[in-house]
N, C-alpha and C. Protein backbone atom coordinates (compact mmCIF):
# COMPACT_ATOMS: atom_id res chain seq x y z
N MET A 1 -18.78 5.14 -5.30
CA MET A 1 -17.78 6.15 -5.13
C MET A 1 -17.88 5.64 -3.57
N GLU A 2 -18.60 4.50 -2.36
CA GLU A 2 -18.14 4.03 -1.74
C GLU A 2 -16.38 3.51 -1.44
N GLN A 3 -15.69 2.25 -2.56
CA GLN A 3 -14.83 2.15 -2.89
C GLN A 3 -13.36 3.58 -3.17
N MET A 4 -14.10 4.40 -3.09
CA MET A 4 -12.89 5.34 -3.38
C MET A 4 -12.51 6.07 -1.83
N ALA A 5 -13.71 6.38 -0.83
CA ALA A 5 -13.71 7.15 0.11
C ALA A 5 -13.22 5.90 1.16
N ASN A 6 -12.74 4.68 0.52
CA ASN A 6 -12.56 3.96 1.45
C ASN A 6 -10.91 3.65 0.75
N PHE A 7 -10.21 4.11 -0.47
CA PHE A 7 -8.87 4.16 -0.76
C PHE A 7 -8.63 5.00 0.26
N GLN A 8 -9.25 6.41 0.02
CA GLN A 8 -8.45 7.55 0.47
C GLN A 8 -8.27 6.51 2.27
N GLU A 9 -8.90 6.31 3.23
CA GLU A 9 -8.43 5.54 4.39
C GLU A 9 -7.77 4.70 4.30
N ILE A 10 -7.41 3.87 3.32
CA ILE A 10 -6.33 3.03 3.19
C ILE A 10 -4.97 3.75 2.74
N LYS A 11 -5.45 5.00 2.11
CA LYS A 11 -3.87 5.31 1.72
C LYS A 11 -3.55 6.49 2.68
N GLN A 12 -3.98 7.20 3.14
CA GLN A 12 -3.79 7.68 4.69
C GLN A 12 -3.05 6.04 5.31
N ARG A 13 -3.58 5.65 5.61
CA ARG A 13 -3.01 4.88 7.02
C ARG A 13 -2.08 3.80 6.69
N PHE A 14 -1.93 4.19 4.85
CA PHE A 14 -0.25 4.17 4.67
C PHE A 14 0.11 4.33 4.56
N LYS A 15 -0.20 5.99 4.60
CA LYS A 15 1.07 7.21 4.53
C LYS A 15 2.04 7.39 5.35
N ASN A 16 0.86 6.67 7.02
CA ASN A 16 1.17 7.30 8.51
C ASN A 16 1.96 5.67 9.00
N ALA A 17 1.56 4.84 8.55
CA ALA A 17 2.54 3.85 9.14
C ALA A 17 4.29 3.31 9.41
N SER A 18 3.75 2.43 9.56
CA SER A 18 5.55 2.15 9.60
C SER A 18 6.05 1.17 8.75
N LEU A 19 7.16 1.16 7.77
CA LEU A 19 7.51 0.17 7.33
C LEU A 19 6.70 -1.29 6.99
N ASP A 20 6.60 -2.19 8.09
CA ASP A 20 6.68 -3.61 8.57
C ASP A 20 5.00 -2.63 8.68
N GLU A 21 4.31 -1.97 8.68
CA GLU A 21 2.75 -1.68 8.17
C GLU A 21 2.34 -1.10 6.84
N GLN A 22 3.53 -0.83 6.30
CA GLN A 22 2.93 -0.70 4.59
C GLN A 22 2.54 -1.91 4.05
N ILE A 23 3.89 -2.76 4.65
CA ILE A 23 4.14 -3.69 3.72
C ILE A 23 3.05 -4.62 3.92
N LYS A 24 2.54 -5.17 4.71
CA LYS A 24 1.44 -5.27 5.22
C LYS A 24 0.38 -5.15 4.65
N ILE A 25 -0.14 -3.67 4.53
CA ILE A 25 -1.18 -3.31 3.76
C ILE A 25 -1.38 -3.27 2.45
N TYR A 26 -0.06 -3.37 2.00
CA TYR A 26 0.26 -3.64 0.66
C TYR A 26 0.18 -4.86 0.39
N THR A 27 0.39 -6.00 1.34
CA THR A 27 -0.24 -7.06 0.05
C THR A 27 -1.23 -8.02 1.10
N ASN A 28 -1.85 -7.38 2.10
CA ASN A 28 -2.72 -8.37 2.65
C ASN A 28 -4.13 -7.42 1.50
N THR A 29 -4.22 -5.68 1.30
CA THR A 29 -5.44 -5.16 0.90
C THR A 29 -6.06 -6.20 -0.39
N GLN A 30 -7.52 -6.53 0.37
CA GLN A 30 -8.09 -7.25 -1.44
C GLN A 30 -8.26 -5.92 -2.26
N GLY A 31 -8.89 -6.38 -3.55
CA GLY A 31 -10.18 -5.27 -4.00
C GLY A 31 -9.47 -4.16 -4.99
N LEU A 32 -8.41 -3.47 -4.36
CA LEU A 32 -7.94 -1.86 -5.20
C LEU A 32 -7.72 -2.49 -6.46
N SER A 33 -7.34 -1.46 -8.01
CA SER A 33 -7.26 -1.72 -8.68
C SER A 33 -5.74 -1.16 -9.00
N VAL A 34 -5.02 -1.86 -9.46
CA VAL A 34 -3.73 -1.74 -10.30
C VAL A 34 -3.41 0.14 -10.22
N ASP A 35 -4.16 0.49 -10.37
CA ASP A 35 -3.76 2.62 -9.97
C ASP A 35 -3.58 2.28 -9.30
N GLN A 36 -4.70 1.78 -8.11
CA GLN A 36 -4.42 2.43 -6.57
C GLN A 36 -3.31 1.88 -6.10
N PHE A 37 -2.80 0.72 -6.62
CA PHE A 37 -1.79 -0.48 -6.06
C PHE A 37 -0.65 0.60 -6.27
N LYS A 38 -0.27 0.99 -7.40
CA LYS A 38 0.41 1.94 -7.93
C LYS A 38 1.09 3.66 -6.98
N GLU A 39 -0.38 3.58 -6.94
CA GLU A 39 -0.89 4.77 -5.65
C GLU A 39 0.31 4.67 -5.02
N LEU A 40 -0.60 3.60 -3.87
CA LEU A 40 0.26 3.16 -2.65
C LEU A 40 2.03 2.76 -2.97
N LEU A 41 2.29 2.49 -3.62
CA LEU A 41 3.41 1.98 -4.25
C LEU A 41 4.97 3.27 -4.60
N ARG A 42 4.16 4.33 -5.15
CA ARG A 42 4.45 5.97 -5.02
C ARG A 42 5.04 6.48 -3.80
N MET A 43 4.31 5.33 -3.35
CA MET A 43 4.32 6.15 -1.13
C MET A 43 5.16 5.30 -0.54
N PHE A 44 5.48 4.37 -0.89
CA PHE A 44 6.56 3.70 -0.61
C PHE A 44 8.06 3.74 -0.69
N PRO A 45 8.97 3.82 0.11
CA PRO A 45 10.33 4.16 0.34
C PRO A 45 10.90 3.34 -0.47
N ILE A 46 11.45 3.65 -2.13
CA ILE A 46 12.22 3.23 -3.14
C ILE A 46 13.18 2.00 -1.84
N GLN A 47 14.39 2.58 -1.33
CA GLN A 47 15.06 2.08 -0.46
C GLN A 47 15.01 0.14 -0.36
N HIS A 48 13.84 0.62 0.37
CA HIS A 48 13.16 -0.53 1.02
C HIS A 48 12.17 -1.83 0.11
N LEU A 49 12.72 -1.54 -1.63
CA LEU A 49 11.87 -2.00 -2.15
C LEU A 49 11.65 -3.85 -2.15
N ASP A 50 13.45 -4.00 -1.99
CA ASP A 50 13.77 -5.49 -2.26
C ASP A 50 12.20 -6.25 -0.23
N LYS A 51 12.57 -5.27 0.13
CA LYS A 51 11.97 -6.11 1.25
C LYS A 51 10.24 -6.61 1.44
N LEU A 52 9.42 -5.34 0.11
CA LEU A 52 8.30 -5.54 -0.06
C LEU A 52 8.59 -6.54 -1.12
N GLU A 53 8.86 -6.94 -1.80
CA GLU A 53 9.20 -7.78 -3.13
C GLU A 53 9.33 -9.64 -2.29
N ARG A 54 10.44 -9.28 -1.35
CA ARG A 54 10.26 -10.67 -0.12
C ARG A 54 8.86 -11.08 0.22
N ALA A 55 7.81 -10.24 0.91
CA ALA A 55 7.09 -10.42 1.21
C ALA A 55 5.89 -10.56 0.38
N MET A 56 5.96 -10.06 -1.22
CA MET A 56 4.77 -10.70 -1.54
C MET A 56 4.93 -11.90 -2.28
N ALA A 57 6.31 -12.45 -2.11
CA ALA A 57 7.09 -13.95 -2.71
C ALA A 57 6.51 -15.21 -2.14
């Protein structure tokens, strides 16, 4: 339950973050499940996916 509450906090921060902050949260957050990463990715602006891909390389 603690993990889910923590994810809700991460998700809210991600939602309110600037593009650069979103990339930082996505690339530096550890311990999330694949489904949680997918949920964050659905909130990411699709036109900037290339920038996220470069940050992950």
